[in-house]
């Protein structure tokens, strides 16, 4: 069931400088009390013009078919009788590119990485406070990833080498491998080796994710 915001609320969101609310957020969770609380926060903070709630993956798929304007899905990992992550396969079949953030009572690194590997753009534990929820919505709505626990692990690990940072900077400018080779006077094999090391270091799987993660960590400013 959708819970729509009034035009006045949307106007207030813009006036407060918080940014324009998302057109629609879908919550996929089968815990009524959690749904009630999360919906209330999203509406109170003017984060979405409309909030809808469903309890199963099948209901989520049907909802997204009917409402393609949905800007974000908040997905629980542990739906009753099914795995929440199965939603990603269904979205791929239907060609629905809506971003998904996993919100779960599980906070272990294995669950976080499983969500990341499945294609989630973020992970937020249910124990998180209101401020963290707001920060997550803002970041993912701007096309950034939200994995605070994984980012902390990266920041605490050994830093990238100066050469890897150079490669990362050129990658952020959109240069292909051959052009990076020319700029840095490196062989293509060496550039690929640096990129592989950067991907592993940041815990990403492709160039787009790499640049987004690097920006989130402050490794690049462009």
N, C-alpha and C. Protein backbone atom coordinates (compact mmCIF):
# COMPACT_ATOMS: atom_id res chain seq x y z
N UNK A 1 0.84 -1.19 0.00
CA UNK A 1 0.00 0.00 0.00
C UNK A 1 0.87 1.24 0.00
N UNK A 2 0.60 2.16 -0.90
CA UNK A 2 1.38 3.39 -0.99
C UNK A 2 0.98 4.36 0.09
N UNK A 3 1.97 5.09 0.59
CA UNK A 3 1.71 6.17 1.53
C UNK A 3 2.27 7.43 0.92
N UNK A 4 1.43 8.23 0.26
CA UNK A 4 1.91 9.37 -0.52
C UNK A 4 2.10 10.61 0.32
N UNK A 5 3.08 11.45 -0.06
CA UNK A 5 3.30 12.72 0.57
C UNK A 5 2.53 13.79 -0.17
N UNK A 6 2.15 14.84 0.50
CA UNK A 6 1.45 15.93 -0.15
C UNK A 6 2.42 16.79 -0.92
N UNK A 7 1.89 17.60 -1.85
CA UNK A 7 2.74 18.52 -2.60
C UNK A 7 3.42 19.50 -1.66
N UNK A 8 2.71 19.87 -0.58
CA UNK A 8 3.27 20.81 0.38
C UNK A 8 4.51 20.23 1.04
N UNK A 9 4.47 18.91 1.36
CA UNK A 9 5.62 18.25 1.98
C UNK A 9 6.81 18.26 1.05
N UNK A 10 6.57 17.95 -0.23
CA UNK A 10 7.65 17.93 -1.20
C UNK A 10 8.27 19.31 -1.33
N UNK A 11 7.43 20.34 -1.33
CA UNK A 11 7.92 21.71 -1.43
C UNK A 11 8.78 22.05 -0.22
N UNK A 12 8.35 21.58 0.96
CA UNK A 12 9.11 21.83 2.18
C UNK A 12 10.48 21.20 2.10
N UNK A 13 10.55 19.99 1.53
CA UNK A 13 11.84 19.30 1.41
C UNK A 13 12.82 20.11 0.58
N UNK A 14 12.31 20.71 -0.50
CA UNK A 14 13.17 21.52 -1.34
C UNK A 14 13.59 22.79 -0.62
N UNK A 15 12.67 23.35 0.13
CA UNK A 15 12.94 24.62 0.80
C UNK A 15 13.96 24.47 1.92
N UNK A 16 14.03 23.28 2.53
CA UNK A 16 14.95 23.09 3.63
C UNK A 16 16.37 22.84 3.16
N UNK A 17 16.57 22.69 1.86
CA UNK A 17 17.91 22.46 1.34
C UNK A 17 18.34 21.02 1.44
N UNK A 18 17.43 20.12 1.76
CA UNK A 18 17.79 18.72 1.90
C UNK A 18 17.89 18.02 0.55
N UNK A 19 17.42 18.67 -0.49
CA UNK A 19 17.39 18.04 -1.80
C UNK A 19 16.00 17.54 -2.11
N UNK A 20 15.75 17.30 -3.38
CA UNK A 20 14.43 16.86 -3.81
C UNK A 20 14.17 15.43 -3.36
N UNK A 21 12.99 15.13 -2.82
CA UNK A 21 12.68 13.76 -2.39
C UNK A 21 12.61 12.82 -3.59
N UNK A 22 12.91 11.56 -3.36
CA UNK A 22 12.81 10.56 -4.41
C UNK A 22 11.34 10.39 -4.81
N UNK A 23 11.07 10.07 -6.07
CA UNK A 23 9.68 9.91 -6.49
C UNK A 23 8.94 8.82 -5.72
N UNK A 24 9.65 7.69 -5.49
CA UNK A 24 8.98 6.56 -4.84
C UNK A 24 10.01 5.59 -4.28
N UNK A 25 9.77 5.09 -3.08
CA UNK A 25 10.61 4.07 -2.46
C UNK A 25 9.75 2.85 -2.15
N UNK A 26 10.26 1.68 -2.47
CA UNK A 26 9.58 0.42 -2.16
C UNK A 26 10.35 -0.30 -1.06
N UNK A 27 9.66 -0.67 0.02
CA UNK A 27 10.26 -1.44 1.11
C UNK A 27 9.79 -2.88 0.99
N UNK A 28 10.74 -3.82 0.98
CA UNK A 28 10.41 -5.24 0.91
C UNK A 28 10.82 -5.87 2.24
N UNK A 29 9.85 -6.09 3.11
CA UNK A 29 10.12 -6.60 4.46
C UNK A 29 8.83 -7.21 5.00
N UNK A 30 8.95 -8.26 5.81
CA UNK A 30 7.75 -8.92 6.33
C UNK A 30 7.56 -8.72 7.83
N UNK A 31 8.15 -7.66 8.37
CA UNK A 31 7.99 -7.34 9.79
C UNK A 31 7.16 -6.05 9.92
N UNK A 32 5.89 -6.16 10.29
CA UNK A 32 4.98 -5.01 10.31
C UNK A 32 5.48 -3.82 11.14
N UNK A 33 6.02 -4.09 12.32
CA UNK A 33 6.46 -2.98 13.17
C UNK A 33 7.64 -2.23 12.55
N UNK A 34 8.55 -2.99 11.94
CA UNK A 34 9.69 -2.35 11.28
C UNK A 34 9.21 -1.53 10.09
N UNK A 35 8.28 -2.10 9.31
CA UNK A 35 7.73 -1.38 8.16
C UNK A 35 7.09 -0.07 8.58
N UNK A 36 6.34 -0.13 9.66
CA UNK A 36 5.65 1.07 10.15
C UNK A 36 6.67 2.14 10.54
N UNK A 37 7.70 1.73 11.29
CA UNK A 37 8.70 2.70 11.75
C UNK A 37 9.52 3.29 10.62
N UNK A 38 9.94 2.44 9.68
CA UNK A 38 10.76 2.92 8.56
C UNK A 38 9.96 3.84 7.66
N UNK A 39 8.71 3.47 7.39
CA UNK A 39 7.86 4.32 6.56
C UNK A 39 7.67 5.69 7.21
N UNK A 40 7.48 5.69 8.52
CA UNK A 40 7.27 6.95 9.24
C UNK A 40 8.49 7.86 9.11
N UNK A 41 9.69 7.28 9.23
CA UNK A 41 10.91 8.09 9.12
C UNK A 41 11.06 8.66 7.71
N UNK A 42 10.83 7.82 6.71
CA UNK A 42 10.97 8.28 5.32
C UNK A 42 10.02 9.44 5.03
N UNK A 43 8.82 9.37 5.60
CA UNK A 43 7.85 10.44 5.38
C UNK A 43 8.17 11.68 6.20
N UNK A 44 8.55 11.48 7.46
CA UNK A 44 8.87 12.61 8.33
C UNK A 44 10.07 13.40 7.81
N UNK A 45 11.04 12.69 7.26
CA UNK A 45 12.25 13.35 6.76
C UNK A 45 12.10 13.79 5.30
N UNK A 46 10.92 13.59 4.73
CA UNK A 46 10.63 14.02 3.36
C UNK A 46 11.64 13.44 2.36
N UNK A 47 11.92 12.15 2.51
CA UNK A 47 12.89 11.48 1.65
C UNK A 47 12.27 10.91 0.39
N UNK A 48 10.95 10.76 0.37
CA UNK A 48 10.27 10.23 -0.81
C UNK A 48 8.87 10.81 -0.90
N UNK A 49 8.40 11.00 -2.12
CA UNK A 49 7.03 11.48 -2.31
C UNK A 49 6.02 10.37 -2.04
N UNK A 50 6.46 9.13 -2.24
CA UNK A 50 5.57 7.99 -2.03
C UNK A 50 6.37 6.82 -1.49
N UNK A 51 5.81 6.11 -0.51
CA UNK A 51 6.45 4.94 0.07
C UNK A 51 5.48 3.77 -0.01
N UNK A 52 5.94 2.64 -0.56
CA UNK A 52 5.12 1.44 -0.67
C UNK A 52 5.79 0.30 0.08
N UNK A 53 4.98 -0.64 0.57
CA UNK A 53 5.51 -1.76 1.35
C UNK A 53 4.93 -3.08 0.84
N UNK A 54 5.80 -4.07 0.66
CA UNK A 54 5.37 -5.43 0.31
C UNK A 54 6.17 -6.41 1.17
N UNK A 55 5.70 -7.67 1.23
CA UNK A 55 6.33 -8.62 2.12
C UNK A 55 7.05 -9.78 1.46
N UNK A 56 6.97 -9.89 0.13
CA UNK A 56 7.62 -11.00 -0.56
C UNK A 56 8.31 -10.52 -1.84
N UNK A 57 9.19 -11.36 -2.36
CA UNK A 57 9.89 -11.03 -3.61
C UNK A 57 8.89 -10.95 -4.76
N UNK A 58 7.94 -11.89 -4.80
CA UNK A 58 6.94 -11.89 -5.88
C UNK A 58 6.13 -10.61 -5.87
N UNK A 59 5.74 -10.16 -4.68
CA UNK A 59 4.98 -8.91 -4.57
C UNK A 59 5.83 -7.72 -5.00
N UNK A 60 7.12 -7.78 -4.69
CA UNK A 60 8.02 -6.69 -5.07
C UNK A 60 8.13 -6.60 -6.59
N UNK A 61 8.27 -7.75 -7.25
CA UNK A 61 8.39 -7.77 -8.70
C UNK A 61 7.12 -7.22 -9.35
N UNK A 62 5.97 -7.64 -8.85
CA UNK A 62 4.70 -7.16 -9.40
C UNK A 62 4.55 -5.66 -9.18
N UNK A 63 4.95 -5.20 -8.00
CA UNK A 63 4.86 -3.77 -7.70
C UNK A 63 5.74 -2.96 -8.65
N UNK A 64 6.95 -3.43 -8.88
CA UNK A 64 7.89 -2.69 -9.74
C UNK A 64 7.44 -2.69 -11.19
N UNK A 65 6.73 -3.74 -11.59
CA UNK A 65 6.16 -3.75 -12.94
C UNK A 65 5.11 -2.65 -13.08
N UNK A 66 4.33 -2.46 -12.03
CA UNK A 66 3.25 -1.48 -12.08
C UNK A 66 3.74 -0.05 -11.86
N UNK A 67 4.86 0.08 -11.12
CA UNK A 67 5.35 1.41 -10.79
C UNK A 67 6.82 1.55 -11.19
N UNK A 68 7.08 1.69 -12.49
CA UNK A 68 8.47 1.79 -12.97
C UNK A 68 9.17 3.07 -12.51
N UNK A 69 8.42 4.02 -11.96
CA UNK A 69 9.04 5.25 -11.47
C UNK A 69 9.72 5.06 -10.12
N UNK A 70 9.60 3.86 -9.53
CA UNK A 70 10.25 3.58 -8.25
C UNK A 70 11.74 3.87 -8.34
N UNK A 71 12.24 4.70 -7.44
CA UNK A 71 13.63 5.15 -7.51
C UNK A 71 14.57 4.33 -6.65
N UNK A 72 14.02 3.60 -5.66
CA UNK A 72 14.88 2.86 -4.74
C UNK A 72 14.08 1.75 -4.07
N UNK A 73 14.74 0.60 -3.89
CA UNK A 73 14.15 -0.52 -3.15
C UNK A 73 14.98 -0.75 -1.89
N UNK A 74 14.30 -0.86 -0.75
CA UNK A 74 14.95 -1.20 0.51
C UNK A 74 14.55 -2.63 0.83
N UNK A 75 15.51 -3.54 0.82
CA UNK A 75 15.24 -4.98 0.85
C UNK A 75 15.78 -5.66 2.10
N UNK A 76 14.92 -6.44 2.76
CA UNK A 76 15.36 -7.24 3.90
C UNK A 76 15.96 -8.55 3.38
N UNK A 77 17.05 -8.99 4.00
CA UNK A 77 17.68 -10.25 3.59
C UNK A 77 16.84 -11.45 3.96
N UNK A 78 16.25 -11.43 5.16
CA UNK A 78 15.59 -12.61 5.69
C UNK A 78 14.09 -12.58 5.61
N UNK A 79 13.55 -12.65 4.41
CA UNK A 79 12.10 -12.73 4.25
C UNK A 79 11.63 -14.13 4.63
N UNK A 80 10.44 -14.23 5.15
CA UNK A 80 9.94 -15.52 5.62
C UNK A 80 9.81 -16.52 4.47
N UNK A 81 10.55 -17.62 4.57
CA UNK A 81 10.44 -18.69 3.59
C UNK A 81 11.19 -18.47 2.29
N UNK A 82 11.91 -17.36 2.16
CA UNK A 82 12.66 -17.12 0.92
C UNK A 82 13.84 -16.19 1.19
N UNK A 83 14.80 -16.22 0.30
CA UNK A 83 15.98 -15.36 0.42
C UNK A 83 15.71 -14.03 -0.26
N UNK A 84 15.89 -12.95 0.47
CA UNK A 84 15.65 -11.63 -0.11
C UNK A 84 16.51 -11.36 -1.33
N UNK A 85 17.73 -11.90 -1.34
CA UNK A 85 18.64 -11.64 -2.45
C UNK A 85 18.15 -12.23 -3.77
N UNK A 86 17.16 -13.12 -3.71
CA UNK A 86 16.62 -13.68 -4.96
C UNK A 86 15.94 -12.60 -5.80
N UNK A 87 15.65 -11.46 -5.20
CA UNK A 87 15.04 -10.36 -5.95
C UNK A 87 15.94 -9.89 -7.08
N UNK A 88 17.25 -9.95 -6.88
CA UNK A 88 18.17 -9.43 -7.89
C UNK A 88 18.07 -10.22 -9.20
N UNK A 89 17.92 -11.53 -9.09
CA UNK A 89 17.79 -12.36 -10.29
C UNK A 89 16.50 -12.02 -11.03
N UNK A 90 15.43 -11.77 -10.28
CA UNK A 90 14.15 -11.42 -10.89
C UNK A 90 14.23 -10.06 -11.60
N UNK A 91 14.91 -9.12 -10.98
CA UNK A 91 15.06 -7.80 -11.59
C UNK A 91 15.87 -7.88 -12.88
N UNK A 92 16.87 -8.75 -12.87
CA UNK A 92 17.70 -8.91 -14.07
C UNK A 92 16.89 -9.52 -15.21
N UNK A 93 16.04 -10.50 -14.88
CA UNK A 93 15.20 -11.13 -15.90
C UNK A 93 14.27 -10.11 -16.55
N UNK A 94 13.75 -9.21 -15.73
CA UNK A 94 12.78 -8.24 -16.23
C UNK A 94 13.44 -6.99 -16.81
N UNK A 95 14.75 -6.89 -16.63
CA UNK A 95 15.45 -5.71 -17.12
C UNK A 95 15.10 -4.45 -16.36
N UNK A 96 14.84 -4.60 -15.06
CA UNK A 96 14.50 -3.45 -14.22
C UNK A 96 15.76 -2.96 -13.51
N UNK A 97 16.24 -1.76 -13.82
CA UNK A 97 17.51 -1.28 -13.28
C UNK A 97 17.41 -0.55 -11.94
N UNK A 98 16.30 -0.70 -11.24
CA UNK A 98 16.11 0.05 -9.99
C UNK A 98 17.19 -0.32 -8.97
N UNK A 99 17.83 0.67 -8.32
CA UNK A 99 18.84 0.37 -7.31
C UNK A 99 18.22 -0.23 -6.05
N UNK A 100 18.96 -1.13 -5.42
CA UNK A 100 18.48 -1.83 -4.23
C UNK A 100 19.49 -1.67 -3.09
N UNK A 101 18.99 -1.31 -1.92
CA UNK A 101 19.81 -1.27 -0.71
C UNK A 101 19.28 -2.34 0.24
N UNK A 102 20.17 -3.17 0.76
CA UNK A 102 19.78 -4.20 1.71
C UNK A 102 19.76 -3.60 3.11
N UNK A 103 18.64 -3.80 3.81
CA UNK A 103 18.52 -3.38 5.20
C UNK A 103 18.23 -4.64 6.00
N UNK A 104 19.15 -5.02 6.88
CA UNK A 104 19.04 -6.32 7.53
C UNK A 104 19.46 -6.29 8.99
N UNK A 105 18.91 -7.24 9.75
CA UNK A 105 19.31 -7.39 11.15
C UNK A 105 20.66 -8.09 11.24
N UNK A 106 21.09 -8.72 10.15
CA UNK A 106 22.41 -9.34 10.10
C UNK A 106 23.45 -8.26 9.80
N UNK A 107 24.51 -8.25 10.59
CA UNK A 107 25.53 -7.22 10.41
C UNK A 107 26.91 -7.80 10.16
N UNK A 108 26.99 -9.12 9.96
CA UNK A 108 28.29 -9.76 9.75
C UNK A 108 28.82 -9.44 8.36
N UNK A 109 30.14 -9.51 8.22
CA UNK A 109 30.79 -9.15 6.97
C UNK A 109 30.35 -10.05 5.82
N UNK A 110 30.07 -11.32 6.12
CA UNK A 110 29.64 -12.25 5.08
C UNK A 110 28.33 -11.79 4.44
N UNK A 111 27.38 -11.35 5.27
CA UNK A 111 26.10 -10.87 4.75
C UNK A 111 26.28 -9.60 3.94
N UNK A 112 27.14 -8.72 4.42
CA UNK A 112 27.39 -7.47 3.70
C UNK A 112 27.99 -7.75 2.33
N UNK A 113 28.98 -8.63 2.30
CA UNK A 113 29.63 -8.95 1.02
C UNK A 113 28.69 -9.72 0.08
N UNK A 114 27.80 -10.52 0.65
CA UNK A 114 26.84 -11.24 -0.18
C UNK A 114 25.90 -10.25 -0.87
N UNK A 115 25.47 -9.25 -0.12
CA UNK A 115 24.61 -8.21 -0.70
C UNK A 115 25.36 -7.45 -1.78
N UNK A 116 26.60 -7.15 -1.50
CA UNK A 116 27.44 -6.41 -2.46
C UNK A 116 27.63 -7.21 -3.75
N UNK A 117 27.90 -8.49 -3.61
CA UNK A 117 28.11 -9.35 -4.77
C UNK A 117 26.84 -9.53 -5.59
N UNK A 118 25.69 -9.52 -4.91
CA UNK A 118 24.42 -9.71 -5.61
C UNK A 118 24.05 -8.49 -6.46
N UNK A 119 24.62 -7.34 -6.10
CA UNK A 119 24.34 -6.14 -6.89
C UNK A 119 23.72 -4.99 -6.11
N UNK A 120 23.62 -5.14 -4.78
CA UNK A 120 23.06 -4.06 -3.97
C UNK A 120 23.98 -2.84 -4.00
N UNK A 121 23.39 -1.65 -4.04
CA UNK A 121 24.19 -0.43 -4.05
C UNK A 121 24.54 0.03 -2.64
N UNK A 122 23.98 -0.67 -1.64
CA UNK A 122 24.29 -0.30 -0.28
C UNK A 122 23.80 -1.33 0.72
N UNK A 123 24.28 -1.19 1.95
CA UNK A 123 23.88 -2.10 3.04
C UNK A 123 23.75 -1.28 4.31
N UNK A 124 22.60 -1.40 4.97
CA UNK A 124 22.37 -0.67 6.21
C UNK A 124 21.78 -1.63 7.25
N UNK A 125 22.46 -1.81 8.39
CA UNK A 125 21.90 -2.69 9.43
C UNK A 125 20.65 -2.07 10.05
N UNK A 126 19.74 -2.91 10.50
CA UNK A 126 18.51 -2.40 11.10
C UNK A 126 18.77 -1.69 12.43
N UNK A 127 19.95 -1.88 12.97
CA UNK A 127 20.31 -1.19 14.21
C UNK A 127 20.77 0.24 13.97
N UNK A 128 20.89 0.63 12.70
CA UNK A 128 21.37 1.98 12.36
C UNK A 128 20.39 3.04 12.83
N UNK A 129 20.90 4.23 13.11
CA UNK A 129 20.03 5.31 13.56
C UNK A 129 19.45 6.08 12.38
N UNK A 130 18.58 7.02 12.70
CA UNK A 130 17.90 7.81 11.68
C UNK A 130 18.89 8.57 10.80
N UNK A 131 19.93 9.11 11.41
CA UNK A 131 20.91 9.89 10.66
C UNK A 131 21.61 9.03 9.60
N UNK A 132 21.91 7.78 9.96
CA UNK A 132 22.56 6.88 9.00
C UNK A 132 21.63 6.56 7.84
N UNK A 133 20.35 6.38 8.13
CA UNK A 133 19.37 6.12 7.08
C UNK A 133 19.31 7.29 6.11
N UNK A 134 19.25 8.49 6.64
CA UNK A 134 19.19 9.68 5.79
C UNK A 134 20.44 9.80 4.94
N UNK A 135 21.60 9.58 5.55
CA UNK A 135 22.86 9.67 4.81
C UNK A 135 22.90 8.63 3.69
N UNK A 136 22.41 7.43 3.98
CA UNK A 136 22.38 6.38 2.97
C UNK A 136 21.50 6.78 1.79
N UNK A 137 20.30 7.28 2.07
CA UNK A 137 19.38 7.68 1.00
C UNK A 137 20.02 8.76 0.14
N UNK A 138 20.65 9.73 0.76
CA UNK A 138 21.27 10.82 0.01
C UNK A 138 22.39 10.31 -0.90
N UNK A 139 23.21 9.42 -0.36
CA UNK A 139 24.36 8.93 -1.14
C UNK A 139 23.91 8.09 -2.34
N UNK A 140 23.03 7.13 -2.11
CA UNK A 140 22.65 6.25 -3.22
C UNK A 140 21.81 7.01 -4.25
N UNK A 141 21.07 8.03 -3.81
CA UNK A 141 20.28 8.82 -4.77
C UNK A 141 21.18 9.65 -5.68
N UNK A 142 22.44 9.84 -5.25
CA UNK A 142 23.42 10.56 -6.06
C UNK A 142 24.30 9.61 -6.87
N UNK A 143 23.95 8.32 -6.86
CA UNK A 143 24.69 7.35 -7.64
C UNK A 143 25.90 6.77 -6.94
N UNK A 144 26.02 7.00 -5.63
CA UNK A 144 27.16 6.49 -4.87
C UNK A 144 26.80 5.18 -4.18
N UNK A 145 27.82 4.42 -3.81
CA UNK A 145 27.63 3.20 -3.04
C UNK A 145 27.62 3.54 -1.56
N UNK A 146 26.94 2.70 -0.76
CA UNK A 146 26.91 2.93 0.68
C UNK A 146 27.24 1.63 1.40
N UNK A 147 28.52 1.48 1.73
CA UNK A 147 29.01 0.32 2.48
C UNK A 147 29.98 0.80 3.54
N UNK A 148 29.49 1.44 4.60
CA UNK A 148 30.37 2.01 5.62
C UNK A 148 31.32 0.99 6.24
N UNK A 149 30.83 -0.22 6.54
CA UNK A 149 31.69 -1.21 7.20
C UNK A 149 32.82 -1.66 6.29
N UNK A 150 32.52 -1.85 5.00
CA UNK A 150 33.56 -2.26 4.06
C UNK A 150 34.52 -1.11 3.78
N UNK A 151 33.99 0.12 3.74
CA UNK A 151 34.84 1.28 3.51
C UNK A 151 35.83 1.45 4.65
N UNK A 152 35.37 1.21 5.87
CA UNK A 152 36.25 1.33 7.03
C UNK A 152 37.40 0.34 6.92
N UNK A 153 37.07 -0.88 6.46
CA UNK A 153 38.12 -1.89 6.32
C UNK A 153 39.14 -1.46 5.28
N UNK A 154 38.66 -0.84 4.20
CA UNK A 154 39.58 -0.39 3.16
C UNK A 154 40.48 0.73 3.66
N UNK A 155 39.88 1.70 4.36
CA UNK A 155 40.65 2.84 4.85
C UNK A 155 41.75 2.39 5.79
N UNK A 156 41.48 1.34 6.58
CA UNK A 156 42.45 0.88 7.56
C UNK A 156 43.52 -0.02 6.94
N UNK A 157 43.32 -0.46 5.72
CA UNK A 157 44.31 -1.33 5.08
C UNK A 157 45.41 -0.49 4.45
N UNK A 158 46.41 -1.17 3.89
CA UNK A 158 47.51 -0.46 3.25
C UNK A 158 46.98 0.41 2.12
N UNK A 159 47.56 1.59 1.96
CA UNK A 159 47.09 2.51 0.93
C UNK A 159 47.56 2.07 -0.45
N UNK A 160 46.92 2.63 -1.47
CA UNK A 160 47.33 2.36 -2.84
C UNK A 160 48.69 2.99 -3.10
N UNK A 161 49.42 2.42 -4.04
CA UNK A 161 50.73 2.97 -4.40
C UNK A 161 50.52 4.26 -5.20
N UNK A 162 51.53 5.12 -5.28
CA UNK A 162 51.42 6.35 -6.08
C UNK A 162 51.03 6.06 -7.53
N UNK A 163 51.60 5.01 -8.11
CA UNK A 163 51.28 4.67 -9.50
C UNK A 163 49.82 4.22 -9.63
N UNK A 164 49.34 3.44 -8.66
CA UNK A 164 47.95 3.01 -8.68
C UNK A 164 47.00 4.19 -8.55
N UNK A 165 47.38 5.18 -7.75
CA UNK A 165 46.56 6.38 -7.62
C UNK A 165 46.52 7.17 -8.93
N UNK A 166 47.64 7.16 -9.66
CA UNK A 166 47.66 7.82 -10.97
C UNK A 166 46.71 7.12 -11.94
N UNK A 167 46.77 5.79 -11.94
CA UNK A 167 45.88 5.00 -12.80
C UNK A 167 44.42 5.27 -12.41
N UNK A 168 44.16 5.30 -11.12
CA UNK A 168 42.81 5.54 -10.62
C UNK A 168 42.30 6.91 -11.05
N UNK A 169 43.17 7.92 -10.99
CA UNK A 169 42.78 9.26 -11.40
C UNK A 169 42.41 9.33 -12.87
N UNK A 170 43.18 8.66 -13.71
CA UNK A 170 42.89 8.65 -15.15
C UNK A 170 41.63 7.83 -15.45
N UNK A 171 41.43 6.78 -14.66
CA UNK A 171 40.22 5.98 -14.81
C UNK A 171 39.00 6.84 -14.51
N UNK A 172 39.10 7.68 -13.49
CA UNK A 172 38.00 8.56 -13.12
C UNK A 172 37.69 9.59 -14.20
N UNK A 173 38.70 9.91 -15.02
CA UNK A 173 38.50 10.85 -16.13
C UNK A 173 37.85 10.18 -17.33
N UNK A 174 37.67 8.85 -17.23
CA UNK A 174 37.01 8.13 -18.30
C UNK A 174 37.93 7.61 -19.38
N UNK A 175 39.24 7.62 -19.12
CA UNK A 175 40.19 7.16 -20.13
C UNK A 175 40.18 5.63 -20.25
N UNK A 176 40.22 5.10 -21.47
CA UNK A 176 40.32 3.65 -21.66
C UNK A 176 41.74 3.19 -21.35
N UNK A 177 41.92 1.88 -21.25
CA UNK A 177 43.23 1.34 -20.89
C UNK A 177 44.35 1.80 -21.83
N UNK A 178 44.08 1.80 -23.13
CA UNK A 178 45.13 2.17 -24.08
C UNK A 178 45.58 3.61 -23.89
N UNK A 179 44.63 4.48 -23.58
CA UNK A 179 44.98 5.89 -23.36
C UNK A 179 45.76 6.05 -22.06
N UNK A 180 45.40 5.28 -21.03
CA UNK A 180 46.14 5.31 -19.77
C UNK A 180 47.58 4.86 -20.01
N UNK A 181 47.73 3.85 -20.85
CA UNK A 181 49.08 3.37 -21.21
C UNK A 181 49.91 4.49 -21.81
N UNK A 182 49.31 5.25 -22.70
CA UNK A 182 50.02 6.33 -23.39
C UNK A 182 50.40 7.45 -22.42
N UNK A 183 49.46 7.82 -21.57
CA UNK A 183 49.70 8.93 -20.64
C UNK A 183 50.79 8.59 -19.63
N UNK A 184 50.78 7.36 -19.12
CA UNK A 184 51.74 6.96 -18.08
C UNK A 184 52.95 6.21 -18.64
N UNK A 185 52.95 6.00 -19.96
CA UNK A 185 54.06 5.28 -20.61
C UNK A 185 54.23 3.89 -20.00
N UNK A 186 53.11 3.16 -19.94
CA UNK A 186 53.11 1.80 -19.39
C UNK A 186 52.58 0.84 -20.44
N UNK A 187 52.90 -0.44 -20.29
CA UNK A 187 52.33 -1.44 -21.17
C UNK A 187 50.89 -1.71 -20.75
N UNK A 188 50.10 -2.25 -21.67
CA UNK A 188 48.70 -2.55 -21.35
C UNK A 188 48.61 -3.61 -20.25
N UNK A 189 49.54 -4.55 -20.26
CA UNK A 189 49.55 -5.59 -19.23
C UNK A 189 49.76 -4.97 -17.85
N UNK A 190 50.67 -3.99 -17.77
CA UNK A 190 50.94 -3.34 -16.49
C UNK A 190 49.73 -2.56 -15.99
N UNK A 191 49.05 -1.88 -16.91
CA UNK A 191 47.86 -1.12 -16.53
C UNK A 191 46.78 -2.07 -16.01
N UNK A 192 46.59 -3.19 -16.71
CA UNK A 192 45.59 -4.16 -16.27
C UNK A 192 45.93 -4.73 -14.90
N UNK A 193 47.22 -4.93 -14.65
CA UNK A 193 47.66 -5.43 -13.35
C UNK A 193 47.34 -4.42 -12.25
N UNK A 194 47.60 -3.14 -12.53
CA UNK A 194 47.29 -2.09 -11.56
C UNK A 194 45.78 -2.02 -11.30
N UNK A 195 44.99 -2.11 -12.37
CA UNK A 195 43.54 -2.05 -12.22
C UNK A 195 43.01 -3.21 -11.39
N UNK A 196 43.56 -4.39 -11.64
CA UNK A 196 43.13 -5.56 -10.87
C UNK A 196 43.43 -5.37 -9.39
N UNK A 197 44.62 -4.84 -9.09
CA UNK A 197 45.01 -4.60 -7.70
C UNK A 197 44.10 -3.55 -7.05
N UNK A 198 43.75 -2.52 -7.81
CA UNK A 198 42.86 -1.47 -7.30
C UNK A 198 41.47 -2.04 -7.01
N UNK A 199 40.96 -2.85 -7.94
CA UNK A 199 39.63 -3.45 -7.76
C UNK A 199 39.60 -4.31 -6.49
N UNK A 200 40.63 -5.12 -6.32
CA UNK A 200 40.70 -5.99 -5.14
C UNK A 200 40.78 -5.15 -3.87
N UNK A 201 41.60 -4.12 -3.91
CA UNK A 201 41.80 -3.24 -2.75
C UNK A 201 40.49 -2.57 -2.33
N UNK A 202 39.71 -2.12 -3.31
CA UNK A 202 38.47 -1.40 -3.01
C UNK A 202 37.27 -2.33 -2.89
N UNK A 203 37.45 -3.60 -3.24
CA UNK A 203 36.34 -4.54 -3.15
C UNK A 203 35.25 -4.29 -4.17
N UNK A 204 35.66 -3.94 -5.41
CA UNK A 204 34.70 -3.64 -6.48
C UNK A 204 34.91 -4.61 -7.64
N UNK A 205 33.97 -4.55 -8.61
CA UNK A 205 34.02 -5.52 -9.70
C UNK A 205 34.12 -4.90 -11.09
N UNK A 206 33.92 -3.60 -11.20
CA UNK A 206 34.03 -2.97 -12.51
C UNK A 206 34.48 -1.52 -12.37
N UNK A 207 34.70 -0.87 -13.50
CA UNK A 207 35.27 0.48 -13.51
C UNK A 207 34.32 1.51 -12.88
N UNK A 208 33.03 1.39 -13.17
CA UNK A 208 32.06 2.33 -12.61
C UNK A 208 32.02 2.25 -11.10
N UNK A 209 31.97 1.03 -10.58
CA UNK A 209 31.95 0.84 -9.13
C UNK A 209 33.25 1.35 -8.51
N UNK A 210 34.35 1.13 -9.21
CA UNK A 210 35.66 1.54 -8.72
C UNK A 210 35.72 3.05 -8.52
N UNK A 211 35.28 3.80 -9.52
CA UNK A 211 35.31 5.26 -9.43
C UNK A 211 34.37 5.76 -8.33
N UNK A 212 33.17 5.16 -8.25
CA UNK A 212 32.21 5.57 -7.22
C UNK A 212 32.77 5.32 -5.82
N UNK A 213 33.37 4.16 -5.62
CA UNK A 213 33.93 3.81 -4.31
C UNK A 213 35.11 4.72 -3.97
N UNK A 214 35.97 4.98 -4.96
CA UNK A 214 37.13 5.83 -4.73
C UNK A 214 36.70 7.25 -4.35
N UNK A 215 35.66 7.75 -5.00
CA UNK A 215 35.16 9.09 -4.66
C UNK A 215 34.58 9.10 -3.25
N UNK A 216 33.84 8.03 -2.91
CA UNK A 216 33.24 7.95 -1.57
C UNK A 216 34.31 7.93 -0.48
N UNK A 217 35.47 7.35 -0.80
CA UNK A 217 36.56 7.26 0.17
C UNK A 217 37.49 8.47 0.13
N UNK A 218 37.23 9.38 -0.80
CA UNK A 218 38.07 10.57 -0.90
C UNK A 218 39.41 10.33 -1.57
N UNK A 219 39.52 9.23 -2.32
CA UNK A 219 40.78 8.93 -3.01
C UNK A 219 40.95 9.76 -4.27
N UNK A 220 39.82 10.21 -4.83
CA UNK A 220 39.86 11.09 -5.99
C UNK A 220 38.84 12.20 -5.77
N UNK A 221 39.09 13.35 -6.34
CA UNK A 221 38.22 14.50 -6.14
C UNK A 221 37.42 14.86 -7.38
N UNK A 222 37.81 14.30 -8.53
CA UNK A 222 37.13 14.66 -9.77
C UNK A 222 35.82 13.93 -9.89
